[in-house]
mmCIF file of all heavy atoms, coordinates in Angstrom:
data_MODEL
# 
_entry.id   MODEL 
# 
loop_
_atom_site.group_PDB 
_atom_site.id 
_atom_site.type_symbol 
_atom_site.label_atom_id 
_atom_site.label_alt_id 
_atom_site.label_comp_id 
_atom_site.label_asym_id 
_atom_site.label_entity_id 
_atom_site.label_seq_id 
_atom_site.pdbx_PDB_ins_code 
_atom_site.Cartn_x 
_atom_site.Cartn_y 
_atom_site.Cartn_z 
_atom_site.occupancy 
_atom_site.B_iso_or_equiv 
_atom_site.pdbx_formal_charge 
_atom_site.auth_seq_id 
_atom_site.auth_comp_id 
_atom_site.auth_asym_id 
_atom_site.auth_atom_id 
_atom_site.pdbx_PDB_model_num 
ATOM 1   N N   . GLY A 1 1  ? 29.111 70.633 199.112 1.00 0.00 ? 1  GLY A N   1 
ATOM 2   C CA  . GLY A 1 1  ? 27.918 71.149 198.372 1.00 0.00 ? 1  GLY A CA  1 
ATOM 3   C C   . GLY A 1 1  ? 28.144 71.482 196.961 1.00 0.00 ? 1  GLY A C   1 
ATOM 4   O O   . GLY A 1 1  ? 27.392 71.125 196.111 1.00 0.00 ? 1  GLY A O   1 
ATOM 5   N N   . MET A 1 2  ? 29.245 72.118 196.610 1.00 0.00 ? 2  MET A N   1 
ATOM 6   C CA  . MET A 1 2  ? 29.624 72.399 195.250 1.00 0.00 ? 2  MET A CA  1 
ATOM 7   C C   . MET A 1 2  ? 29.991 71.140 194.503 1.00 0.00 ? 2  MET A C   1 
ATOM 8   O O   . MET A 1 2  ? 29.671 70.982 193.382 1.00 0.00 ? 2  MET A O   1 
ATOM 9   C CB  . MET A 1 2  ? 30.812 73.414 195.256 1.00 0.00 ? 2  MET A CB  1 
ATOM 10  C CG  . MET A 1 2  ? 30.448 74.782 195.832 1.00 0.00 ? 2  MET A CG  1 
ATOM 11  S SD  . MET A 1 2  ? 31.817 75.989 195.639 1.00 0.00 ? 2  MET A SD  1 
ATOM 12  C CE  . MET A 1 2  ? 31.944 76.308 193.966 1.00 0.00 ? 2  MET A CE  1 
ATOM 13  N N   . ASP A 1 3  ? 30.613 70.265 195.268 1.00 0.00 ? 3  ASP A N   1 
ATOM 14  C CA  . ASP A 1 3  ? 31.008 69.000 194.695 1.00 0.00 ? 3  ASP A CA  1 
ATOM 15  C C   . ASP A 1 3  ? 29.774 68.141 194.219 1.00 0.00 ? 3  ASP A C   1 
ATOM 16  O O   . ASP A 1 3  ? 29.794 67.496 193.147 1.00 0.00 ? 3  ASP A O   1 
ATOM 17  C CB  . ASP A 1 3  ? 31.825 68.135 195.674 1.00 0.00 ? 3  ASP A CB  1 
ATOM 18  C CG  . ASP A 1 3  ? 32.084 66.736 195.213 1.00 0.00 ? 3  ASP A CG  1 
ATOM 19  O OD1 . ASP A 1 3  ? 32.735 66.590 194.169 1.00 0.00 ? 3  ASP A OD1 1 
ATOM 20  O OD2 . ASP A 1 3  ? 31.600 65.750 195.813 1.00 0.00 ? 3  ASP A OD2 1 
ATOM 21  N N   . ARG A 1 4  ? 28.641 68.176 195.016 1.00 0.00 ? 4  ARG A N   1 
ATOM 22  C CA  . ARG A 1 4  ? 27.446 67.525 194.620 1.00 0.00 ? 4  ARG A CA  1 
ATOM 23  C C   . ARG A 1 4  ? 26.939 68.093 193.322 1.00 0.00 ? 4  ARG A C   1 
ATOM 24  O O   . ARG A 1 4  ? 26.341 67.313 192.553 1.00 0.00 ? 4  ARG A O   1 
ATOM 25  C CB  . ARG A 1 4  ? 26.384 67.502 195.704 1.00 0.00 ? 4  ARG A CB  1 
ATOM 26  C CG  . ARG A 1 4  ? 26.718 66.553 196.784 1.00 0.00 ? 4  ARG A CG  1 
ATOM 27  C CD  . ARG A 1 4  ? 25.515 66.423 197.795 1.00 0.00 ? 4  ARG A CD  1 
ATOM 28  N NE  . ARG A 1 4  ? 25.312 67.605 198.604 1.00 0.00 ? 4  ARG A NE  1 
ATOM 29  C CZ  . ARG A 1 4  ? 25.960 67.810 199.760 1.00 0.00 ? 4  ARG A CZ  1 
ATOM 30  N NH1 . ARG A 1 4  ? 26.823 66.982 200.192 1.00 0.00 ? 4  ARG A NH1 1 
ATOM 31  N NH2 . ARG A 1 4  ? 25.696 68.878 200.490 1.00 0.00 ? 4  ARG A NH2 1 
ATOM 32  N N   . LEU A 1 5  ? 27.028 69.347 193.090 1.00 0.00 ? 5  LEU A N   1 
ATOM 33  C CA  . LEU A 1 5  ? 26.617 69.944 191.810 1.00 0.00 ? 5  LEU A CA  1 
ATOM 34  C C   . LEU A 1 5  ? 27.486 69.490 190.624 1.00 0.00 ? 5  LEU A C   1 
ATOM 35  O O   . LEU A 1 5  ? 26.952 69.180 189.632 1.00 0.00 ? 5  LEU A O   1 
ATOM 36  C CB  . LEU A 1 5  ? 26.621 71.451 191.902 1.00 0.00 ? 5  LEU A CB  1 
ATOM 37  C CG  . LEU A 1 5  ? 25.498 72.117 192.705 1.00 0.00 ? 5  LEU A CG  1 
ATOM 38  C CD1 . LEU A 1 5  ? 25.686 73.622 192.755 1.00 0.00 ? 5  LEU A CD1 1 
ATOM 39  C CD2 . LEU A 1 5  ? 24.112 71.867 192.072 1.00 0.00 ? 5  LEU A CD2 1 
ATOM 40  N N   . VAL A 1 6  ? 28.765 69.464 190.905 1.00 0.00 ? 6  VAL A N   1 
ATOM 41  C CA  . VAL A 1 6  ? 29.680 68.974 189.904 1.00 0.00 ? 6  VAL A CA  1 
ATOM 42  C C   . VAL A 1 6  ? 29.373 67.582 189.480 1.00 0.00 ? 6  VAL A C   1 
ATOM 43  O O   . VAL A 1 6  ? 29.506 67.190 188.311 1.00 0.00 ? 6  VAL A O   1 
ATOM 44  C CB  . VAL A 1 6  ? 31.170 69.204 190.325 1.00 0.00 ? 6  VAL A CB  1 
ATOM 45  C CG1 . VAL A 1 6  ? 32.073 68.517 189.276 1.00 0.00 ? 6  VAL A CG1 1 
ATOM 46  C CG2 . VAL A 1 6  ? 31.480 70.698 190.525 1.00 0.00 ? 6  VAL A CG2 1 
ATOM 47  N N   . GLN A 1 7  ? 29.037 66.754 190.488 1.00 0.00 ? 7  GLN A N   1 
ATOM 48  C CA  . GLN A 1 7  ? 28.711 65.354 190.114 1.00 0.00 ? 7  GLN A CA  1 
ATOM 49  C C   . GLN A 1 7  ? 27.541 65.219 189.249 1.00 0.00 ? 7  GLN A C   1 
ATOM 50  O O   . GLN A 1 7  ? 27.286 64.277 188.423 1.00 0.00 ? 7  GLN A O   1 
ATOM 51  C CB  . GLN A 1 7  ? 28.360 64.613 191.446 1.00 0.00 ? 7  GLN A CB  1 
ATOM 52  C CG  . GLN A 1 7  ? 29.606 64.291 192.292 1.00 0.00 ? 7  GLN A CG  1 
ATOM 53  C CD  . GLN A 1 7  ? 29.194 63.672 193.549 1.00 0.00 ? 7  GLN A CD  1 
ATOM 54  O OE1 . GLN A 1 7  ? 28.159 63.106 193.767 1.00 0.00 ? 7  GLN A OE1 1 
ATOM 55  N NE2 . GLN A 1 7  ? 30.110 63.670 194.581 1.00 0.00 ? 7  GLN A NE2 1 
ATOM 56  N N   . ARG A 1 8  ? 26.615 66.329 189.191 1.00 0.00 ? 8  ARG A N   1 
ATOM 57  C CA  . ARG A 1 8  ? 25.474 66.344 188.381 1.00 0.00 ? 8  ARG A CA  1 
ATOM 58  C C   . ARG A 1 8  ? 25.730 67.208 187.147 1.00 0.00 ? 8  ARG A C   1 
ATOM 59  O O   . ARG A 1 8  ? 24.808 67.692 186.473 1.00 0.00 ? 8  ARG A O   1 
ATOM 60  C CB  . ARG A 1 8  ? 24.235 66.827 189.143 1.00 0.00 ? 8  ARG A CB  1 
ATOM 61  C CG  . ARG A 1 8  ? 23.688 65.796 190.059 1.00 0.00 ? 8  ARG A CG  1 
ATOM 62  C CD  . ARG A 1 8  ? 22.853 66.398 191.210 1.00 0.00 ? 8  ARG A CD  1 
ATOM 63  N NE  . ARG A 1 8  ? 22.315 65.321 192.030 1.00 0.00 ? 8  ARG A NE  1 
ATOM 64  C CZ  . ARG A 1 8  ? 23.062 64.647 192.946 1.00 0.00 ? 8  ARG A CZ  1 
ATOM 65  N NH1 . ARG A 1 8  ? 24.372 64.953 193.098 1.00 0.00 ? 8  ARG A NH1 1 
ATOM 66  N NH2 . ARG A 1 8  ? 22.514 63.753 193.697 1.00 0.00 ? 8  ARG A NH2 1 
ATOM 67  N N   . ASN A 1 9  ? 27.082 67.468 186.881 1.00 0.00 ? 9  ASN A N   1 
ATOM 68  C CA  . ASN A 1 9  ? 27.425 68.232 185.736 1.00 0.00 ? 9  ASN A CA  1 
ATOM 69  C C   . ASN A 1 9  ? 26.844 69.595 185.788 1.00 0.00 ? 9  ASN A C   1 
ATOM 70  O O   . ASN A 1 9  ? 26.518 70.199 184.751 1.00 0.00 ? 9  ASN A O   1 
ATOM 71  C CB  . ASN A 1 9  ? 26.953 67.595 184.389 1.00 0.00 ? 9  ASN A CB  1 
ATOM 72  C CG  . ASN A 1 9  ? 28.005 66.496 183.977 1.00 0.00 ? 9  ASN A CG  1 
ATOM 73  O OD1 . ASN A 1 9  ? 29.072 66.479 184.523 1.00 0.00 ? 9  ASN A OD1 1 
ATOM 74  N ND2 . ASN A 1 9  ? 27.655 65.770 183.018 1.00 0.00 ? 9  ASN A ND2 1 
ATOM 75  N N   . VAL A 1 10 ? 26.843 70.254 186.947 1.00 0.00 ? 10 VAL A N   1 
ATOM 76  C CA  . VAL A 1 10 ? 26.518 71.592 187.157 1.00 0.00 ? 10 VAL A CA  1 
ATOM 77  C C   . VAL A 1 10 ? 27.637 72.366 187.691 1.00 0.00 ? 10 VAL A C   1 
ATOM 78  O O   . VAL A 1 10 ? 28.129 71.978 188.782 1.00 0.00 ? 10 VAL A O   1 
ATOM 79  C CB  . VAL A 1 10 ? 25.281 71.839 187.957 1.00 0.00 ? 10 VAL A CB  1 
ATOM 80  C CG1 . VAL A 1 10 ? 24.962 73.286 188.151 1.00 0.00 ? 10 VAL A CG1 1 
ATOM 81  C CG2 . VAL A 1 10 ? 24.030 71.124 187.417 1.00 0.00 ? 10 VAL A CG2 1 
ATOM 82  N N   . LEU A 1 11 ? 28.080 73.400 187.024 1.00 0.00 ? 11 LEU A N   1 
ATOM 83  C CA  . LEU A 1 11 ? 29.227 74.171 187.500 1.00 0.00 ? 11 LEU A CA  1 
ATOM 84  C C   . LEU A 1 11 ? 28.780 75.371 188.159 1.00 0.00 ? 11 LEU A C   1 
ATOM 85  O O   . LEU A 1 11 ? 28.247 76.237 187.531 1.00 0.00 ? 11 LEU A O   1 
ATOM 86  C CB  . LEU A 1 11 ? 30.223 74.518 186.297 1.00 0.00 ? 11 LEU A CB  1 
ATOM 87  C CG  . LEU A 1 11 ? 31.424 75.319 186.640 1.00 0.00 ? 11 LEU A CG  1 
ATOM 88  C CD1 . LEU A 1 11 ? 32.392 74.585 187.564 1.00 0.00 ? 11 LEU A CD1 1 
ATOM 89  C CD2 . LEU A 1 11 ? 32.155 75.703 185.433 1.00 0.00 ? 11 LEU A CD2 1 
ATOM 90  N N   . ALA A 1 12 ? 28.979 75.530 189.527 1.00 0.00 ? 12 ALA A N   1 
ATOM 91  C CA  . ALA A 1 12 ? 28.577 76.827 190.217 1.00 0.00 ? 12 ALA A CA  1 
ATOM 92  C C   . ALA A 1 12 ? 29.778 77.640 190.273 1.00 0.00 ? 12 ALA A C   1 
ATOM 93  O O   . ALA A 1 12 ? 30.924 77.302 190.610 1.00 0.00 ? 12 ALA A O   1 
ATOM 94  C CB  . ALA A 1 12 ? 28.230 76.374 191.642 1.00 0.00 ? 12 ALA A CB  1 
ATOM 95  N N   . MET A 1 13 ? 29.537 78.922 189.814 1.00 0.00 ? 13 MET A N   1 
ATOM 96  C CA  . MET A 1 13 ? 30.653 79.894 189.795 1.00 0.00 ? 13 MET A CA  1 
ATOM 97  C C   . MET A 1 13 ? 31.060 80.314 191.218 1.00 0.00 ? 13 MET A C   1 
ATOM 98  O O   . MET A 1 13 ? 32.100 80.983 191.317 1.00 0.00 ? 13 MET A O   1 
ATOM 99  C CB  . MET A 1 13 ? 30.284 81.101 188.960 1.00 0.00 ? 13 MET A CB  1 
ATOM 100 C CG  . MET A 1 13 ? 29.908 80.708 187.521 1.00 0.00 ? 13 MET A CG  1 
ATOM 101 S SD  . MET A 1 13 ? 31.244 79.799 186.742 1.00 0.00 ? 13 MET A SD  1 
ATOM 102 C CE  . MET A 1 13 ? 30.536 79.441 185.118 1.00 0.00 ? 13 MET A CE  1 
ATOM 103 N N   . SER A 1 14 ? 30.263 80.073 192.186 1.00 0.00 ? 14 SER A N   1 
ATOM 104 C CA  . SER A 1 14 ? 30.636 80.487 193.606 1.00 0.00 ? 14 SER A CA  1 
ATOM 105 C C   . SER A 1 14 ? 29.784 79.694 194.515 1.00 0.00 ? 14 SER A C   1 
ATOM 106 O O   . SER A 1 14 ? 28.734 79.169 194.204 1.00 0.00 ? 14 SER A O   1 
ATOM 107 C CB  . SER A 1 14 ? 30.404 81.978 193.820 1.00 0.00 ? 14 SER A CB  1 
ATOM 108 O OG  . SER A 1 14 ? 29.093 82.267 193.800 1.00 0.00 ? 14 SER A OG  1 
ATOM 109 N N   . GLY A 1 15 ? 30.318 79.568 195.778 1.00 0.00 ? 15 GLY A N   1 
ATOM 110 C CA  . GLY A 1 15 ? 29.489 78.964 196.838 1.00 0.00 ? 15 GLY A CA  1 
ATOM 111 C C   . GLY A 1 15 ? 28.270 79.781 197.179 1.00 0.00 ? 15 GLY A C   1 
ATOM 112 O O   . GLY A 1 15 ? 27.313 79.241 197.644 1.00 0.00 ? 15 GLY A O   1 
ATOM 113 N N   . ARG A 1 16 ? 28.374 81.089 196.882 1.00 0.00 ? 16 ARG A N   1 
ATOM 114 C CA  . ARG A 1 16 ? 27.174 81.989 197.197 1.00 0.00 ? 16 ARG A CA  1 
ATOM 115 C C   . ARG A 1 16 ? 26.046 81.515 196.346 1.00 0.00 ? 16 ARG A C   1 
ATOM 116 O O   . ARG A 1 16 ? 24.861 81.624 196.846 1.00 0.00 ? 16 ARG A O   1 
ATOM 117 C CB  . ARG A 1 16 ? 27.575 83.396 196.852 1.00 0.00 ? 16 ARG A CB  1 
ATOM 118 C CG  . ARG A 1 16 ? 26.512 84.433 197.096 1.00 0.00 ? 16 ARG A CG  1 
ATOM 119 C CD  . ARG A 1 16 ? 26.909 85.757 196.546 1.00 0.00 ? 16 ARG A CD  1 
ATOM 120 N NE  . ARG A 1 16 ? 28.075 86.272 197.136 1.00 0.00 ? 16 ARG A NE  1 
ATOM 121 C CZ  . ARG A 1 16 ? 28.097 87.161 198.191 1.00 0.00 ? 16 ARG A CZ  1 
ATOM 122 N NH1 . ARG A 1 16 ? 26.937 87.517 198.690 1.00 0.00 ? 16 ARG A NH1 1 
ATOM 123 N NH2 . ARG A 1 16 ? 29.259 87.655 198.678 1.00 0.00 ? 16 ARG A NH2 1 
ATOM 124 N N   . ALA A 1 17 ? 26.301 81.098 195.146 1.00 0.00 ? 17 ALA A N   1 
ATOM 125 C CA  . ALA A 1 17 ? 25.189 80.684 194.198 1.00 0.00 ? 17 ALA A CA  1 
ATOM 126 C C   . ALA A 1 17 ? 24.487 79.413 194.746 1.00 0.00 ? 17 ALA A C   1 
ATOM 127 O O   . ALA A 1 17 ? 23.343 79.315 194.757 1.00 0.00 ? 17 ALA A O   1 
ATOM 128 C CB  . ALA A 1 17 ? 25.679 80.411 192.824 1.00 0.00 ? 17 ALA A CB  1 
ATOM 129 N N   . VAL A 1 18 ? 25.308 78.466 195.344 1.00 0.00 ? 18 VAL A N   1 
ATOM 130 C CA  . VAL A 1 18 ? 24.795 77.294 195.876 1.00 0.00 ? 18 VAL A CA  1 
ATOM 131 C C   . VAL A 1 18 ? 23.881 77.568 197.083 1.00 0.00 ? 18 VAL A C   1 
ATOM 132 O O   . VAL A 1 18 ? 22.825 77.028 197.232 1.00 0.00 ? 18 VAL A O   1 
ATOM 133 C CB  . VAL A 1 18 ? 25.938 76.280 196.261 1.00 0.00 ? 18 VAL A CB  1 
ATOM 134 C CG1 . VAL A 1 18 ? 25.301 74.923 196.766 1.00 0.00 ? 18 VAL A CG1 1 
ATOM 135 C CG2 . VAL A 1 18 ? 26.883 76.068 195.149 1.00 0.00 ? 18 VAL A CG2 1 
ATOM 136 N N   . GLU A 1 19 ? 24.376 78.465 197.964 1.00 0.00 ? 19 GLU A N   1 
ATOM 137 C CA  . GLU A 1 19 ? 23.610 78.846 199.125 1.00 0.00 ? 19 GLU A CA  1 
ATOM 138 C C   . GLU A 1 19 ? 22.328 79.561 198.745 1.00 0.00 ? 19 GLU A C   1 
ATOM 139 O O   . GLU A 1 19 ? 21.306 79.338 199.291 1.00 0.00 ? 19 GLU A O   1 
ATOM 140 C CB  . GLU A 1 19 ? 24.438 79.798 200.028 1.00 0.00 ? 19 GLU A CB  1 
ATOM 141 C CG  . GLU A 1 19 ? 25.124 79.117 201.141 1.00 0.00 ? 19 GLU A CG  1 
ATOM 142 C CD  . GLU A 1 19 ? 25.744 80.078 202.148 1.00 0.00 ? 19 GLU A CD  1 
ATOM 143 O OE1 . GLU A 1 19 ? 25.371 81.263 202.135 1.00 0.00 ? 19 GLU A OE1 1 
ATOM 144 O OE2 . GLU A 1 19 ? 26.555 79.600 202.991 1.00 0.00 ? 19 GLU A OE2 1 
ATOM 145 N N   . ALA A 1 20 ? 22.425 80.424 197.746 1.00 0.00 ? 20 ALA A N   1 
ATOM 146 C CA  . ALA A 1 20 ? 21.246 81.202 197.282 1.00 0.00 ? 20 ALA A CA  1 
ATOM 147 C C   . ALA A 1 20 ? 20.190 80.249 196.760 1.00 0.00 ? 20 ALA A C   1 
ATOM 148 O O   . ALA A 1 20 ? 18.960 80.382 196.983 1.00 0.00 ? 20 ALA A O   1 
ATOM 149 C CB  . ALA A 1 20 ? 21.587 82.178 196.216 1.00 0.00 ? 20 ALA A CB  1 
ATOM 150 N N   . ALA A 1 21 ? 20.639 79.125 196.131 1.00 0.00 ? 21 ALA A N   1 
ATOM 151 C CA  . ALA A 1 21 ? 19.658 78.044 195.627 1.00 0.00 ? 21 ALA A CA  1 
ATOM 152 C C   . ALA A 1 21 ? 18.939 77.487 196.749 1.00 0.00 ? 21 ALA A C   1 
ATOM 153 O O   . ALA A 1 21 ? 17.767 77.128 196.616 1.00 0.00 ? 21 ALA A O   1 
ATOM 154 C CB  . ALA A 1 21 ? 20.453 76.993 194.831 1.00 0.00 ? 21 ALA A CB  1 
ATOM 155 N N   . GLY A 1 22 ? 19.545 77.343 197.927 1.00 0.00 ? 22 GLY A N   1 
ATOM 156 C CA  . GLY A 1 22 ? 18.896 76.803 199.068 1.00 0.00 ? 22 GLY A CA  1 
ATOM 157 C C   . GLY A 1 22 ? 17.811 77.737 199.638 1.00 0.00 ? 22 GLY A C   1 
ATOM 158 O O   . GLY A 1 22 ? 16.914 77.252 200.374 1.00 0.00 ? 22 GLY A O   1 
ATOM 159 N N   . ASP A 1 23 ? 17.936 79.018 199.459 1.00 0.00 ? 23 ASP A N   1 
ATOM 160 C CA  . ASP A 1 23 ? 16.964 79.967 199.944 1.00 0.00 ? 23 ASP A CA  1 
ATOM 161 C C   . ASP A 1 23 ? 16.043 80.477 198.868 1.00 0.00 ? 23 ASP A C   1 
ATOM 162 O O   . ASP A 1 23 ? 15.218 81.499 199.130 1.00 0.00 ? 23 ASP A O   1 
ATOM 163 C CB  . ASP A 1 23 ? 17.732 81.171 200.546 1.00 0.00 ? 23 ASP A CB  1 
ATOM 164 C CG  . ASP A 1 23 ? 18.429 80.767 201.857 1.00 0.00 ? 23 ASP A CG  1 
ATOM 165 O OD1 . ASP A 1 23 ? 17.852 80.018 202.595 1.00 0.00 ? 23 ASP A OD1 1 
ATOM 166 O OD2 . ASP A 1 23 ? 19.490 81.320 202.149 1.00 0.00 ? 23 ASP A OD2 1 
ATOM 167 N N   . VAL A 1 24 ? 15.998 79.877 197.711 1.00 0.00 ? 24 VAL A N   1 
ATOM 168 C CA  . VAL A 1 24 ? 15.118 80.370 196.587 1.00 0.00 ? 24 VAL A CA  1 
ATOM 169 C C   . VAL A 1 24 ? 13.626 80.312 196.989 1.00 0.00 ? 24 VAL A C   1 
ATOM 170 O O   . VAL A 1 24 ? 13.143 79.340 197.640 1.00 0.00 ? 24 VAL A O   1 
ATOM 171 C CB  . VAL A 1 24 ? 15.342 79.520 195.312 1.00 0.00 ? 24 VAL A CB  1 
ATOM 172 C CG1 . VAL A 1 24 ? 14.261 79.634 194.385 1.00 0.00 ? 24 VAL A CG1 1 
ATOM 173 C CG2 . VAL A 1 24 ? 16.726 79.949 194.715 1.00 0.00 ? 24 VAL A CG2 1 
ATOM 174 N N   . ASN A 1 25 ? 12.865 81.378 196.716 1.00 0.00 ? 25 ASN A N   1 
ATOM 175 C CA  . ASN A 1 25 ? 11.400 81.524 197.013 1.00 0.00 ? 25 ASN A CA  1 
ATOM 176 C C   . ASN A 1 25 ? 10.655 81.346 195.709 1.00 0.00 ? 25 ASN A C   1 
ATOM 177 O O   . ASN A 1 25 ? 9.486  80.880 195.735 1.00 0.00 ? 25 ASN A O   1 
ATOM 178 C CB  . ASN A 1 25 ? 11.150 82.883 197.643 1.00 0.00 ? 25 ASN A CB  1 
ATOM 179 C CG  . ASN A 1 25 ? 11.921 83.089 198.859 1.00 0.00 ? 25 ASN A CG  1 
ATOM 180 O OD1 . ASN A 1 25 ? 12.799 83.951 198.815 1.00 0.00 ? 25 ASN A OD1 1 
ATOM 181 N ND2 . ASN A 1 25 ? 11.704 82.362 199.928 1.00 0.00 ? 25 ASN A ND2 1 
ATOM 182 N N   . THR A 1 26 ? 11.234 81.700 194.554 1.00 0.00 ? 26 THR A N   1 
ATOM 183 C CA  . THR A 1 26 ? 10.500 81.673 193.278 1.00 0.00 ? 26 THR A CA  1 
ATOM 184 C C   . THR A 1 26 ? 11.313 81.042 192.235 1.00 0.00 ? 26 THR A C   1 
ATOM 185 O O   . THR A 1 26 ? 12.490 81.313 192.106 1.00 0.00 ? 26 THR A O   1 
ATOM 186 C CB  . THR A 1 26 ? 10.108 83.138 192.788 1.00 0.00 ? 26 THR A CB  1 
ATOM 187 O OG1 . THR A 1 26 ? 9.339  83.773 193.848 1.00 0.00 ? 26 THR A OG1 1 
ATOM 188 C CG2 . THR A 1 26 ? 9.332  83.078 191.529 1.00 0.00 ? 26 THR A CG2 1 
# 
């Protein structure tokens, strides 16, 4: 999941941030 972000030139500082993105409401 973090690797897919890196492939799009997005650096996630933690896996928690990637998970939170999946639960975003707003």
